[in-house]
Amino acid sequence: MIERRTMTVQETAAYLGVSKDLIYNMVKTGELPAVKLGRRILFRKEVLERWMQAQEMKF
């Protein structure tokens, strides 16, 4: 079985503990890195982990 390397908007929102609307807004403004495949927006787990680490360093 192949392990998924991406998450959907809903999965990402749950993972980060925020709303789907916030995820969509952050993608739209370029704040959150995402991959668009057709109409789907996906998030690579390893990229989200690096992004979160970078956000922690800003404080």
PDB file of N, CA and C in Angstrom:
ATOM      1  N   MET A   1       0.834  -1.189   0.000  1.00  0.00           N
ATOM      2  CA  MET A   1       0.000   0.000   0.000  1.00  0.00           C
ATOM      3  C   MET A   1       0.879   1.253   0.000  1.00  0.00           C
ATOM      4  N   ILE A   2       0.512   2.211  -0.821  1.00  0.00           N
ATOM      5  CA  ILE A   2       1.273   3.451  -0.940  1.00  0.00           C
ATOM      6  C   ILE A   2       0.728   4.479   0.042  1.00  0.00           C
ATOM      7  N   GLU A   3       1.642   5.104   0.781  1.00  0.00           N
ATOM      8  CA  GLU A   3       1.239   6.144   1.731  1.00  0.00           C
ATOM      9  C   GLU A   3       1.022   7.450   0.975  1.00  0.00           C
ATOM     10  N   ARG A   4      -0.098   8.107   1.244  1.00  0.00           N
ATOM     11  CA  ARG A   4      -0.380   9.398   0.608  1.00  0.00           C
ATOM     12  C   ARG A   4       0.607  10.446   1.095  1.00  0.00           C
ATOM     13  N   ARG A   5       1.040  11.282   0.174  1.00  0.00           N
ATOM     14  CA  ARG A   5       1.978  12.340   0.522  1.00  0.00           C
ATOM     15  C   ARG A   5       1.312  13.703   0.516  1.00  0.00           C
ATOM     16  N   THR A   6       0.020  13.727   0.186  1.00  0.00           N
ATOM     17  CA  THR A   6      -0.697  14.997   0.129  1.00  0.00           C
ATOM     18  C   THR A   6      -1.942  14.961   1.003  1.00  0.00           C
ATOM     19  N   MET A   7      -2.427  16.169   1.307  1.00  0.00           N
ATOM     20  CA  MET A   7      -3.655  16.311   2.083  1.00  0.00           C
ATOM     21  C   MET A   7      -4.580  17.267   1.340  1.00  0.00           C
ATOM     22  N   THR A   8      -5.875  17.080   1.519  1.00  0.00           N
ATOM     23  CA  THR A   8      -6.874  17.962   0.939  1.00  0.00           C
ATOM     24  C   THR A   8      -7.006  19.225   1.796  1.00  0.00           C
ATOM     25  N   VAL A   9      -7.811  20.161   1.310  1.00  0.00           N
ATOM     26  CA  VAL A   9      -8.082  21.380   2.091  1.00  0.00           C
ATOM     27  C   VAL A   9      -8.694  21.007   3.434  1.00  0.00           C
ATOM     28  N   GLN A  10      -9.670  20.114   3.421  1.00  0.00           N
ATOM     29  CA  GLN A  10     -10.334  19.720   4.667  1.00  0.00           C
ATOM     30  C   GLN A  10      -9.352  19.045   5.625  1.00  0.00           C
ATOM     31  N   GLU A  11      -8.527  18.149   5.120  1.00  0.00           N
ATOM     32  CA  GLU A  11      -7.543  17.472   5.967  1.00  0.00           C
ATOM     33  C   GLU A  11      -6.515  18.453   6.516  1.00  0.00           C
ATOM     34  N   THR A  12      -6.093  19.398   5.683  1.00  0.00           N
ATOM     35  CA  THR A  12      -5.115  20.395   6.114  1.00  0.00           C
ATOM     36  C   THR A  12      -5.701  21.301   7.187  1.00  0.00           C
ATOM     37  N   ALA A  13      -6.950  21.711   7.010  1.00  0.00           N
ATOM     38  CA  ALA A  13      -7.611  22.545   8.015  1.00  0.00           C
ATOM     39  C   ALA A  13      -7.676  21.816   9.353  1.00  0.00           C
ATOM     40  N   ALA A  14      -8.040  20.546   9.322  1.00  0.00           N
ATOM     41  CA  ALA A  14      -8.104  19.763  10.560  1.00  0.00           C
ATOM     42  C   ALA A  14      -6.715  19.599  11.171  1.00  0.00           C
ATOM     43  N   TYR A  15      -5.728  19.354  10.342  1.00  0.00           N
ATOM     44  CA  TYR A  15      -4.347  19.168  10.796  1.00  0.00           C
ATOM     45  C   TYR A  15      -3.817  20.427  11.482  1.00  0.00           C
ATOM     46  N   LEU A  16      -4.140  21.596  10.907  1.00  0.00           N
ATOM     47  CA  LEU A  16      -3.650  22.858  11.470  1.00  0.00           C
ATOM     48  C   LEU A  16      -4.596  23.433  12.529  1.00  0.00           C
ATOM     49  N   GLY A  17      -5.800  22.863  12.631  1.00  0.00           N
ATOM     50  CA  GLY A  17      -6.757  23.337  13.630  1.00  0.00           C
ATOM     51  C   GLY A  17      -7.402  24.656  13.266  1.00  0.00           C
ATOM     52  N   VAL A  18      -7.623  24.870  11.971  1.00  0.00           N
ATOM     53  CA  VAL A  18      -8.252  26.104  11.502  1.00  0.00           C
ATOM     54  C   VAL A  18      -9.403  25.749  10.563  1.00  0.00           C
ATOM     55  N   SER A  19     -10.124  26.761  10.087  1.00  0.00           N
ATOM     56  CA  SER A  19     -11.257  26.521   9.194  1.00  0.00           C
ATOM     57  C   SER A  19     -10.801  26.331   7.746  1.00  0.00           C
ATOM     58  N   LYS A  20     -11.659  25.699   6.961  1.00  0.00           N
ATOM     59  CA  LYS A  20     -11.381  25.545   5.529  1.00  0.00           C
ATOM     60  C   LYS A  20     -11.321  26.914   4.862  1.00  0.00           C
ATOM     61  N   ASP A  21     -12.171  27.843   5.289  1.00  0.00           N
ATOM     62  CA  ASP A  21     -12.168  29.193   4.709  1.00  0.00           C
ATOM     63  C   ASP A  21     -10.810  29.863   4.892  1.00  0.00           C
ATOM     64  N   LEU A  22     -10.210  29.696   6.068  1.00  0.00           N
ATOM     65  CA  LEU A  22      -8.894  30.278   6.309  1.00  0.00           C
ATOM     66  C   LEU A  22      -7.852  29.643   5.387  1.00  0.00           C
ATOM     67  N   ILE A  23      -7.927  28.332   5.203  1.00  0.00           N
ATOM     68  CA  ILE A  23      -6.988  27.648   4.295  1.00  0.00           C
ATOM     69  C   ILE A  23      -7.131  28.214   2.882  1.00  0.00           C
ATOM     70  N   TYR A  24      -8.378  28.312   2.386  1.00  0.00           N
ATOM     71  CA  TYR A  24      -8.599  28.865   1.043  1.00  0.00           C
ATOM     72  C   TYR A  24      -8.050  30.284   0.933  1.00  0.00           C
ATOM     73  N   ASN A  25      -8.277  31.125   1.936  1.00  0.00           N
ATOM     74  CA  ASN A  25      -7.776  32.506   1.920  1.00  0.00           C
ATOM     75  C   ASN A  25      -6.252  32.542   1.920  1.00  0.00           C
ATOM     76  N   MET A  26      -5.619  31.687   2.717  1.00  0.00           N
ATOM     77  CA  MET A  26      -4.156  31.667   2.783  1.00  0.00           C
ATOM     78  C   MET A  26      -3.542  31.181   1.472  1.00  0.00           C
ATOM     79  N   VAL A  27      -4.204  30.261   0.805  1.00  0.00           N
ATOM     80  CA  VAL A  27      -3.724  29.800  -0.501  1.00  0.00           C
ATOM     81  C   VAL A  27      -3.877  30.931  -1.519  1.00  0.00           C
ATOM     82  N   LYS A  28      -5.014  31.588  -1.497  1.00  0.00           N
ATOM     83  CA  LYS A  28      -5.295  32.666  -2.445  1.00  0.00           C
ATOM     84  C   LYS A  28      -4.282  33.802  -2.329  1.00  0.00           C
ATOM     85  N   THR A  29      -3.863  34.125  -1.102  1.00  0.00           N
ATOM     86  CA  THR A  29      -2.905  35.216  -0.886  1.00  0.00           C
ATOM     87  C   THR A  29      -1.454  34.759  -0.978  1.00  0.00           C
ATOM     88  N   GLY A  30      -1.250  33.460  -1.173  1.00  0.00           N
ATOM     89  CA  GLY A  30       0.114  32.952  -1.297  1.00  0.00           C
ATOM     90  C   GLY A  30       0.810  32.704   0.029  1.00  0.00           C
ATOM     91  N   GLU A  31       0.098  32.800   1.124  1.00  0.00           N
ATOM     92  CA  GLU A  31       0.699  32.585   2.443  1.00  0.00           C
ATOM     93  C   GLU A  31       0.989  31.119   2.727  1.00  0.00           C
ATOM     94  N   LEU A  32       0.193  30.239   2.164  1.00  0.00           N
ATOM     95  CA  LEU A  32       0.305  28.811   2.434  1.00  0.00           C
ATOM     96  C   LEU A  32       0.649  28.084   1.138  1.00  0.00           C
ATOM     97  N   PRO A  33       1.749  27.329   1.121  1.00  0.00           N
ATOM     98  CA  PRO A  33       2.136  26.635  -0.112  1.00  0.00           C
ATOM     99  C   PRO A  33       1.178  25.496  -0.448  1.00  0.00           C
ATOM    100  N   ALA A  34       0.776  25.440  -1.706  1.00  0.00           N
ATOM    101  CA  ALA A  34      -0.182  24.427  -2.152  1.00  0.00           C
ATOM    102  C   ALA A  34       0.122  24.020  -3.583  1.00  0.00           C
ATOM    103  N   VAL A  35      -0.440  22.896  -3.978  1.00  0.00           N
ATOM    104  CA  VAL A  35      -0.329  22.387  -5.340  1.00  0.00           C
ATOM    105  C   VAL A  35      -1.739  22.341  -5.907  1.00  0.00           C
ATOM    106  N   LYS A  36      -1.920  22.889  -7.099  1.00  0.00           N
ATOM    107  CA  LYS A  36      -3.236  22.829  -7.720  1.00  0.00           C
ATOM    108  C   LYS A  36      -3.191  21.824  -8.860  1.00  0.00           C
ATOM    109  N   LEU A  37      -4.052  20.835  -8.778  1.00  0.00           N
ATOM    110  CA  LEU A  37      -4.183  19.814  -9.818  1.00  0.00           C
ATOM    111  C   LEU A  37      -5.611  19.873 -10.329  1.00  0.00           C
ATOM    112  N   GLY A  38      -5.786  20.454 -11.504  1.00  0.00           N
ATOM    113  CA  GLY A  38      -7.134  20.668 -12.000  1.00  0.00           C
ATOM    114  C   GLY A  38      -7.850  21.625 -11.069  1.00  0.00           C
ATOM    115  N   ARG A  39      -8.976  21.198 -10.540  1.00  0.00           N
ATOM    116  CA  ARG A  39      -9.737  22.032  -9.599  1.00  0.00           C
ATOM    117  C   ARG A  39      -9.377  21.738  -8.150  1.00  0.00           C
ATOM    118  N   ARG A  40      -8.561  20.734  -7.931  1.00  0.00           N
ATOM    119  CA  ARG A  40      -8.210  20.328  -6.558  1.00  0.00           C
ATOM    120  C   ARG A  40      -7.011  21.111  -6.046  1.00  0.00           C
ATOM    121  N   ILE A  41      -7.050  21.439  -4.770  1.00  0.00           N
ATOM    122  CA  ILE A  41      -5.921  22.059  -4.085  1.00  0.00           C
ATOM    123  C   ILE A  41      -5.405  21.028  -3.097  1.00  0.00           C
ATOM    124  N   LEU A  42      -4.124  20.716  -3.218  1.00  0.00           N
ATOM    125  CA  LEU A  42      -3.509  19.723  -2.338  1.00  0.00           C
ATOM    126  C   LEU A  42      -2.307  20.325  -1.628  1.00  0.00           C
ATOM    127  N   PHE A  43      -1.961  19.715  -0.509  1.00  0.00           N
ATOM    128  CA  PHE A  43      -0.851  20.183   0.311  1.00  0.00           C
ATOM    129  C   PHE A  43       0.081  19.011   0.575  1.00  0.00           C
ATOM    130  N   ARG A  44       1.363  19.183   0.286  1.00  0.00           N
ATOM    131  CA  ARG A  44       2.341  18.138   0.571  1.00  0.00           C
ATOM    132  C   ARG A  44       2.698  18.200   2.047  1.00  0.00           C
ATOM    133  N   LYS A  45       2.636  17.058   2.704  1.00  0.00           N
ATOM    134  CA  LYS A  45       2.878  17.008   4.150  1.00  0.00           C
ATOM    135  C   LYS A  45       4.245  17.571   4.529  1.00  0.00           C
ATOM    136  N   GLU A  46       5.294  17.177   3.792  1.00  0.00           N
ATOM    137  CA  GLU A  46       6.637  17.648   4.153  1.00  0.00           C
ATOM    138  C   GLU A  46       6.780  19.151   3.947  1.00  0.00           C
ATOM    139  N   VAL A  47       6.101  19.708   2.957  1.00  0.00           N
ATOM    140  CA  VAL A  47       6.144  21.157   2.736  1.00  0.00           C
ATOM    141  C   VAL A  47       5.411  21.881   3.855  1.00  0.00           C
ATOM    142  N   LEU A  48       4.275  21.343   4.292  1.00  0.00           N
ATOM    143  CA  LEU A  48       3.555  21.946   5.414  1.00  0.00           C
ATOM    144  C   LEU A  48       4.387  21.926   6.689  1.00  0.00           C
ATOM    145  N   GLU A  49       5.110  20.830   6.911  1.00  0.00           N
ATOM    146  CA  GLU A  49       5.969  20.739   8.099  1.00  0.00           C
ATOM    147  C   GLU A  49       7.050  21.825   8.065  1.00  0.00           C
ATOM    148  N   ARG A  50       7.689  22.006   6.918  1.00  0.00           N
ATOM    149  CA  ARG A  50       8.724  23.056   6.788  1.00  0.00           C
ATOM    150  C   ARG A  50       8.113  24.443   6.948  1.00  0.00           C
ATOM    151  N   TRP A  51       6.925  24.635   6.369  1.00  0.00           N
ATOM    152  CA  TRP A  51       6.251  25.921   6.475  1.00  0.00           C
ATOM    153  C   TRP A  51       5.936  26.245   7.937  1.00  0.00           C
ATOM    154  N   MET A  52       5.445  25.240   8.686  1.00  0.00           N
ATOM    155  CA  MET A  52       5.126  25.457  10.093  1.00  0.00           C
ATOM    156  C   MET A  52       6.381  25.799  10.895  1.00  0.00           C
ATOM    157  N   GLN A  53       7.488  25.116  10.600  1.00  0.00           N
ATOM    158  CA  GLN A  53       8.743  25.417  11.302  1.00  0.00           C
ATOM    159  C   GLN A  53       9.180  26.852  11.017  1.00  0.00           C
ATOM    160  N   ALA A  54       9.026  27.282   9.785  1.00  0.00           N
ATOM    161  CA  ALA A  54       9.409  28.644   9.430  1.00  0.00           C
ATOM    162  C   ALA A  54       8.526  29.664  10.148  1.00  0.00           C
ATOM    163  N   GLN A  55       7.248  29.349  10.340  1.00  0.00           N
ATOM    164  CA  GLN A  55       6.349  30.246  11.041  1.00  0.00           C
ATOM    165  C   GLN A  55       6.754  30.369  12.511  1.00  0.00           C
ATOM    166  N   GLU A  56       7.200  29.296  13.109  1.00  0.00           N
ATOM    167  CA  GLU A  56       7.632  29.309  14.516  1.00  0.00           C
ATOM    168  C   GLU A  56       8.843  30.200  14.706  1.00  0.00           C
ATOM    169  N   MET A  57       9.719  30.228  13.744  1.00  0.00           N
ATOM    170  CA  MET A  57      10.945  31.018  13.860  1.00  0.00           C
ATOM    171  C   MET A  57      10.689  32.516  13.816  1.00  0.00           C
ATOM    172  N   LYS A  58       9.544  32.941  13.324  1.00  0.00           N
ATOM    173  CA  LYS A  58       9.239  34.360  13.202  1.00  0.00           C
ATOM    174  C   LYS A  58       8.944  35.021  14.539  1.00  0.00           C
ATOM    175  N   PHE A  59       8.674  34.235  15.573  1.00  0.00           N
ATOM    176  CA  PHE A  59       8.291  34.820  16.850  1.00  0.00           C
ATOM    177  C   PHE A  59       9.469  35.038  17.731  1.00  0.00           C
TER     178      PHE A  59
END
